[in-house]
């Protein structure tokens, strides 16, 4: 199941040095998830402490586990939006078939 997500990083009351240390751990985890195919697309929004992407989760439960606990910066992340999405090619196939099987 694919999910679009938009997340804002709230720095709270930590120093910039502490925030950079946390970001570095998050970067390592995110790039590992991209390499593993768990994250299909990932972008940093320029000029903002915001990241958007597409995550491939097997279930809503896995989505919850990833976003609520598995991320190094989970305690600093404000999830603005999480939306289920589907591959456009699959949608196009359904349109061409007029939604009939």
N, C-alpha and C. Protein backbone atom coordinates (compact mmCIF):
# COMPACT_ATOMS: atom_id res chain seq x y z
N UNK A 1 0.85 -1.17 0.00
CA UNK A 1 0.00 0.00 0.00
C UNK A 1 0.90 1.24 0.00
N UNK A 2 0.60 2.14 -0.91
CA UNK A 2 1.39 3.36 -1.02
C UNK A 2 0.71 4.51 -0.29
N UNK A 3 1.53 5.31 0.37
CA UNK A 3 1.04 6.47 1.10
C UNK A 3 1.90 7.67 0.80
N UNK A 4 1.26 8.78 0.42
CA UNK A 4 1.95 10.06 0.32
C UNK A 4 2.00 10.62 1.74
N UNK A 5 3.14 11.20 2.11
CA UNK A 5 3.21 11.84 3.42
C UNK A 5 3.91 13.18 3.32
N UNK A 6 3.50 14.06 4.20
CA UNK A 6 4.12 15.37 4.35
C UNK A 6 4.38 15.55 5.83
N UNK A 7 5.63 15.79 6.18
CA UNK A 7 6.01 15.88 7.58
C UNK A 7 6.85 17.13 7.82
N UNK A 8 6.58 17.81 8.91
CA UNK A 8 7.34 18.98 9.31
C UNK A 8 8.15 18.62 10.55
N UNK A 9 9.40 19.06 10.56
CA UNK A 9 10.29 18.79 11.70
C UNK A 9 10.21 19.98 12.67
N UNK A 10 9.81 19.69 13.89
CA UNK A 10 9.73 20.71 14.94
C UNK A 10 11.00 20.62 15.77
N UNK A 11 11.78 21.66 15.78
CA UNK A 11 13.08 21.59 16.46
C UNK A 11 12.98 21.71 17.97
N UNK A 12 11.91 22.27 18.50
CA UNK A 12 11.74 22.36 19.95
C UNK A 12 12.80 23.23 20.59
N UNK A 13 13.24 22.80 21.75
CA UNK A 13 14.18 23.63 22.52
C UNK A 13 15.60 23.08 22.51
N UNK A 14 15.98 22.36 21.45
CA UNK A 14 17.34 21.83 21.37
C UNK A 14 18.24 22.81 20.61
N UNK A 15 19.52 22.70 20.82
CA UNK A 15 20.46 23.54 20.09
C UNK A 15 20.51 23.09 18.63
N UNK A 16 21.04 23.96 17.79
CA UNK A 16 21.18 23.59 16.39
C UNK A 16 22.13 22.41 16.24
N UNK A 17 23.14 22.32 17.06
CA UNK A 17 24.08 21.20 17.00
C UNK A 17 23.36 19.88 17.31
N UNK A 18 22.51 19.89 18.34
CA UNK A 18 21.74 18.68 18.67
C UNK A 18 20.77 18.33 17.55
N UNK A 19 20.15 19.36 16.96
CA UNK A 19 19.22 19.12 15.86
C UNK A 19 19.95 18.52 14.66
N UNK A 20 21.16 19.01 14.34
CA UNK A 20 21.94 18.45 13.24
C UNK A 20 22.29 16.99 13.51
N UNK A 21 22.64 16.67 14.76
CA UNK A 21 22.95 15.28 15.12
C UNK A 21 21.74 14.38 14.89
N UNK A 22 20.56 14.86 15.29
CA UNK A 22 19.34 14.08 15.09
C UNK A 22 19.01 13.95 13.60
N UNK A 23 19.17 15.04 12.85
CA UNK A 23 18.92 15.00 11.41
C UNK A 23 19.81 13.98 10.73
N UNK A 24 21.08 13.90 11.19
CA UNK A 24 22.01 12.96 10.57
C UNK A 24 21.54 11.52 10.77
N UNK A 25 21.04 11.20 11.96
CA UNK A 25 20.50 9.85 12.21
C UNK A 25 19.27 9.60 11.34
N UNK A 26 18.43 10.61 11.19
CA UNK A 26 17.22 10.49 10.37
C UNK A 26 17.59 10.29 8.90
N UNK A 27 18.60 11.03 8.43
CA UNK A 27 19.06 10.89 7.04
C UNK A 27 19.54 9.47 6.78
N UNK A 28 20.32 8.92 7.71
CA UNK A 28 20.81 7.54 7.55
C UNK A 28 19.65 6.56 7.48
N UNK A 29 18.66 6.72 8.36
CA UNK A 29 17.49 5.82 8.37
C UNK A 29 16.68 5.97 7.08
N UNK A 30 16.47 7.21 6.65
CA UNK A 30 15.68 7.46 5.44
C UNK A 30 16.36 6.89 4.21
N UNK A 31 17.66 7.11 4.08
CA UNK A 31 18.36 6.58 2.91
C UNK A 31 18.39 5.05 2.93
N UNK A 32 18.45 4.46 4.12
CA UNK A 32 18.36 3.00 4.22
C UNK A 32 17.01 2.49 3.77
N UNK A 33 15.94 3.23 4.13
CA UNK A 33 14.59 2.84 3.73
C UNK A 33 14.40 3.00 2.22
N UNK A 34 15.02 4.00 1.64
CA UNK A 34 14.97 4.18 0.18
C UNK A 34 15.69 3.01 -0.50
N UNK A 35 16.87 2.67 0.00
CA UNK A 35 17.64 1.55 -0.59
C UNK A 35 16.88 0.24 -0.48
N UNK A 36 16.13 0.06 0.61
CA UNK A 36 15.36 -1.16 0.83
C UNK A 36 14.05 -1.17 0.05
N UNK A 37 13.69 -0.05 -0.57
CA UNK A 37 12.44 0.01 -1.32
C UNK A 37 11.23 0.35 -0.48
N UNK A 38 11.42 0.60 0.80
CA UNK A 38 10.29 0.94 1.68
C UNK A 38 9.80 2.36 1.38
N UNK A 39 10.73 3.27 1.14
CA UNK A 39 10.38 4.62 0.70
C UNK A 39 10.62 4.68 -0.79
N UNK A 40 9.57 4.98 -1.54
CA UNK A 40 9.64 5.00 -3.01
C UNK A 40 10.14 6.33 -3.55
N UNK A 41 9.81 7.41 -2.85
CA UNK A 41 10.25 8.75 -3.26
C UNK A 41 10.38 9.59 -1.99
N UNK A 42 11.38 10.47 -1.98
CA UNK A 42 11.62 11.28 -0.79
C UNK A 42 12.22 12.61 -1.21
N UNK A 43 11.63 13.70 -0.72
CA UNK A 43 12.08 15.03 -1.08
C UNK A 43 12.12 15.93 0.16
N UNK A 44 13.13 16.76 0.22
CA UNK A 44 13.22 17.82 1.23
C UNK A 44 12.67 19.08 0.58
N UNK A 45 11.70 19.74 1.20
CA UNK A 45 11.14 20.97 0.66
C UNK A 45 12.14 22.09 0.92
N UNK A 46 12.55 22.76 -0.13
CA UNK A 46 13.54 23.83 -0.01
C UNK A 46 13.03 24.97 0.86
N UNK A 47 13.91 25.44 1.73
CA UNK A 47 13.59 26.59 2.56
C UNK A 47 12.68 26.29 3.74
N UNK A 48 12.36 25.03 3.97
CA UNK A 48 11.48 24.64 5.09
C UNK A 48 12.06 23.41 5.77
N UNK A 49 11.67 23.21 7.03
CA UNK A 49 12.02 21.96 7.72
C UNK A 49 10.89 20.98 7.45
N UNK A 50 10.74 20.61 6.19
CA UNK A 50 9.62 19.78 5.75
C UNK A 50 10.12 18.75 4.75
N UNK A 51 9.60 17.53 4.86
CA UNK A 51 9.95 16.43 3.97
C UNK A 51 8.65 15.83 3.45
N UNK A 52 8.64 15.48 2.15
CA UNK A 52 7.48 14.82 1.56
C UNK A 52 7.96 13.56 0.85
N UNK A 53 7.08 12.58 0.71
CA UNK A 53 7.49 11.37 0.04
C UNK A 53 6.36 10.38 -0.15
N UNK A 54 6.75 9.24 -0.69
CA UNK A 54 5.83 8.11 -0.89
C UNK A 54 6.43 6.92 -0.15
N UNK A 55 5.64 6.34 0.74
CA UNK A 55 6.06 5.19 1.53
C UNK A 55 5.26 3.97 1.10
N UNK A 56 5.92 2.82 1.04
CA UNK A 56 5.26 1.56 0.72
C UNK A 56 5.16 0.75 2.01
N UNK A 57 3.96 0.71 2.58
CA UNK A 57 3.73 -0.04 3.82
C UNK A 57 2.81 -1.22 3.54
N UNK A 58 3.05 -2.32 4.21
CA UNK A 58 2.24 -3.52 4.00
C UNK A 58 0.85 -3.41 4.61
N UNK A 59 0.70 -2.54 5.60
CA UNK A 59 -0.58 -2.40 6.28
C UNK A 59 -0.63 -1.05 7.00
N UNK A 60 -1.81 -0.72 7.47
CA UNK A 60 -1.94 0.49 8.29
C UNK A 60 -1.16 0.34 9.59
N UNK A 61 -1.10 -0.88 10.10
CA UNK A 61 -0.34 -1.13 11.32
C UNK A 61 1.14 -0.84 11.11
N UNK A 62 1.69 -1.31 9.99
CA UNK A 62 3.10 -1.04 9.71
C UNK A 62 3.34 0.46 9.54
N UNK A 63 2.43 1.13 8.87
CA UNK A 63 2.53 2.58 8.70
C UNK A 63 2.62 3.26 10.07
N UNK A 64 1.76 2.88 10.96
CA UNK A 64 1.76 3.44 12.31
C UNK A 64 3.08 3.16 13.03
N UNK A 65 3.56 1.93 12.94
CA UNK A 65 4.82 1.58 13.61
C UNK A 65 5.99 2.40 13.08
N UNK A 66 6.03 2.57 11.77
CA UNK A 66 7.13 3.33 11.16
C UNK A 66 7.07 4.78 11.60
N UNK A 67 5.93 5.42 11.42
CA UNK A 67 5.83 6.85 11.68
C UNK A 67 5.80 7.21 13.17
N UNK A 68 5.33 6.30 14.00
CA UNK A 68 5.20 6.64 15.42
C UNK A 68 6.41 6.23 16.27
N UNK A 69 7.19 5.26 15.80
CA UNK A 69 8.26 4.78 16.67
C UNK A 69 9.57 4.46 15.98
N UNK A 70 9.55 4.04 14.74
CA UNK A 70 10.78 3.54 14.12
C UNK A 70 11.72 4.64 13.64
N UNK A 71 11.21 5.83 13.42
CA UNK A 71 12.05 6.91 12.91
C UNK A 71 12.84 7.56 14.03
N UNK A 72 14.12 7.83 13.81
CA UNK A 72 14.94 8.46 14.87
C UNK A 72 14.38 9.79 15.36
N UNK A 73 13.73 10.55 14.49
CA UNK A 73 13.19 11.84 14.89
C UNK A 73 11.68 11.80 15.12
N UNK A 74 11.12 10.63 15.35
CA UNK A 74 9.67 10.49 15.49
C UNK A 74 9.09 11.49 16.50
N UNK A 75 9.81 11.75 17.57
CA UNK A 75 9.33 12.67 18.61
C UNK A 75 9.35 14.13 18.15
N UNK A 76 9.96 14.43 17.02
CA UNK A 76 10.04 15.79 16.50
C UNK A 76 9.21 16.00 15.24
N UNK A 77 8.55 14.97 14.77
CA UNK A 77 7.85 15.05 13.49
C UNK A 77 6.37 15.36 13.66
N UNK A 78 5.92 16.34 12.91
CA UNK A 78 4.51 16.70 12.87
C UNK A 78 3.98 16.27 11.50
N UNK A 79 3.24 15.17 11.46
CA UNK A 79 2.72 14.66 10.19
C UNK A 79 1.54 15.52 9.77
N UNK A 80 1.76 16.31 8.73
CA UNK A 80 0.74 17.21 8.23
C UNK A 80 -0.30 16.48 7.40
N UNK A 81 0.16 15.45 6.70
CA UNK A 81 -0.76 14.73 5.80
C UNK A 81 -0.21 13.33 5.53
N UNK A 82 -1.09 12.35 5.58
CA UNK A 82 -0.80 10.99 5.16
C UNK A 82 -2.00 10.54 4.33
N UNK A 83 -1.75 10.24 3.05
CA UNK A 83 -2.84 9.97 2.12
C UNK A 83 -2.54 8.68 1.36
N UNK A 84 -3.49 7.71 1.34
CA UNK A 84 -3.27 6.53 0.52
C UNK A 84 -3.32 6.91 -0.96
N UNK A 85 -2.38 6.37 -1.72
CA UNK A 85 -2.32 6.64 -3.16
C UNK A 85 -2.12 5.34 -3.92
N UNK A 86 -2.31 5.38 -5.22
CA UNK A 86 -2.08 4.20 -6.05
C UNK A 86 -1.29 4.61 -7.28
N UNK A 87 -0.64 3.65 -7.88
CA UNK A 87 0.11 3.90 -9.10
C UNK A 87 -0.85 4.39 -10.17
N UNK A 88 -0.47 5.43 -10.89
CA UNK A 88 -1.35 5.99 -11.91
C UNK A 88 -1.59 5.00 -13.04
N UNK A 89 -0.58 4.20 -13.38
CA UNK A 89 -0.74 3.21 -14.45
C UNK A 89 -1.85 2.22 -14.14
N UNK A 90 -1.97 1.81 -12.87
CA UNK A 90 -3.05 0.89 -12.47
C UNK A 90 -4.41 1.57 -12.60
N UNK A 91 -4.48 2.84 -12.21
CA UNK A 91 -5.70 3.61 -12.38
C UNK A 91 -6.07 3.72 -13.86
N UNK A 92 -5.07 4.01 -14.70
CA UNK A 92 -5.31 4.14 -16.14
C UNK A 92 -5.86 2.85 -16.72
N UNK A 93 -5.31 1.71 -16.27
CA UNK A 93 -5.83 0.42 -16.73
C UNK A 93 -7.29 0.25 -16.36
N UNK A 94 -7.66 0.63 -15.12
CA UNK A 94 -9.06 0.54 -14.69
C UNK A 94 -9.96 1.43 -15.54
N UNK A 95 -9.49 2.62 -15.86
CA UNK A 95 -10.28 3.54 -16.69
C UNK A 95 -10.51 2.92 -18.07
N UNK A 96 -9.46 2.36 -18.64
CA UNK A 96 -9.59 1.77 -19.98
C UNK A 96 -10.55 0.58 -19.97
N UNK A 97 -10.60 -0.14 -18.87
CA UNK A 97 -11.51 -1.29 -18.75
C UNK A 97 -12.89 -0.85 -18.29
N UNK A 98 -13.04 0.43 -18.04
CA UNK A 98 -14.29 0.99 -17.51
C UNK A 98 -14.66 0.34 -16.17
N UNK A 99 -13.65 0.01 -15.38
CA UNK A 99 -13.80 -0.55 -14.04
C UNK A 99 -14.44 -1.93 -14.05
N UNK A 100 -14.38 -2.62 -15.16
CA UNK A 100 -14.94 -3.96 -15.25
C UNK A 100 -13.83 -4.99 -15.27
N UNK A 101 -14.07 -6.08 -14.67
CA UNK A 101 -13.11 -7.20 -14.65
C UNK A 101 -13.60 -8.31 -15.54
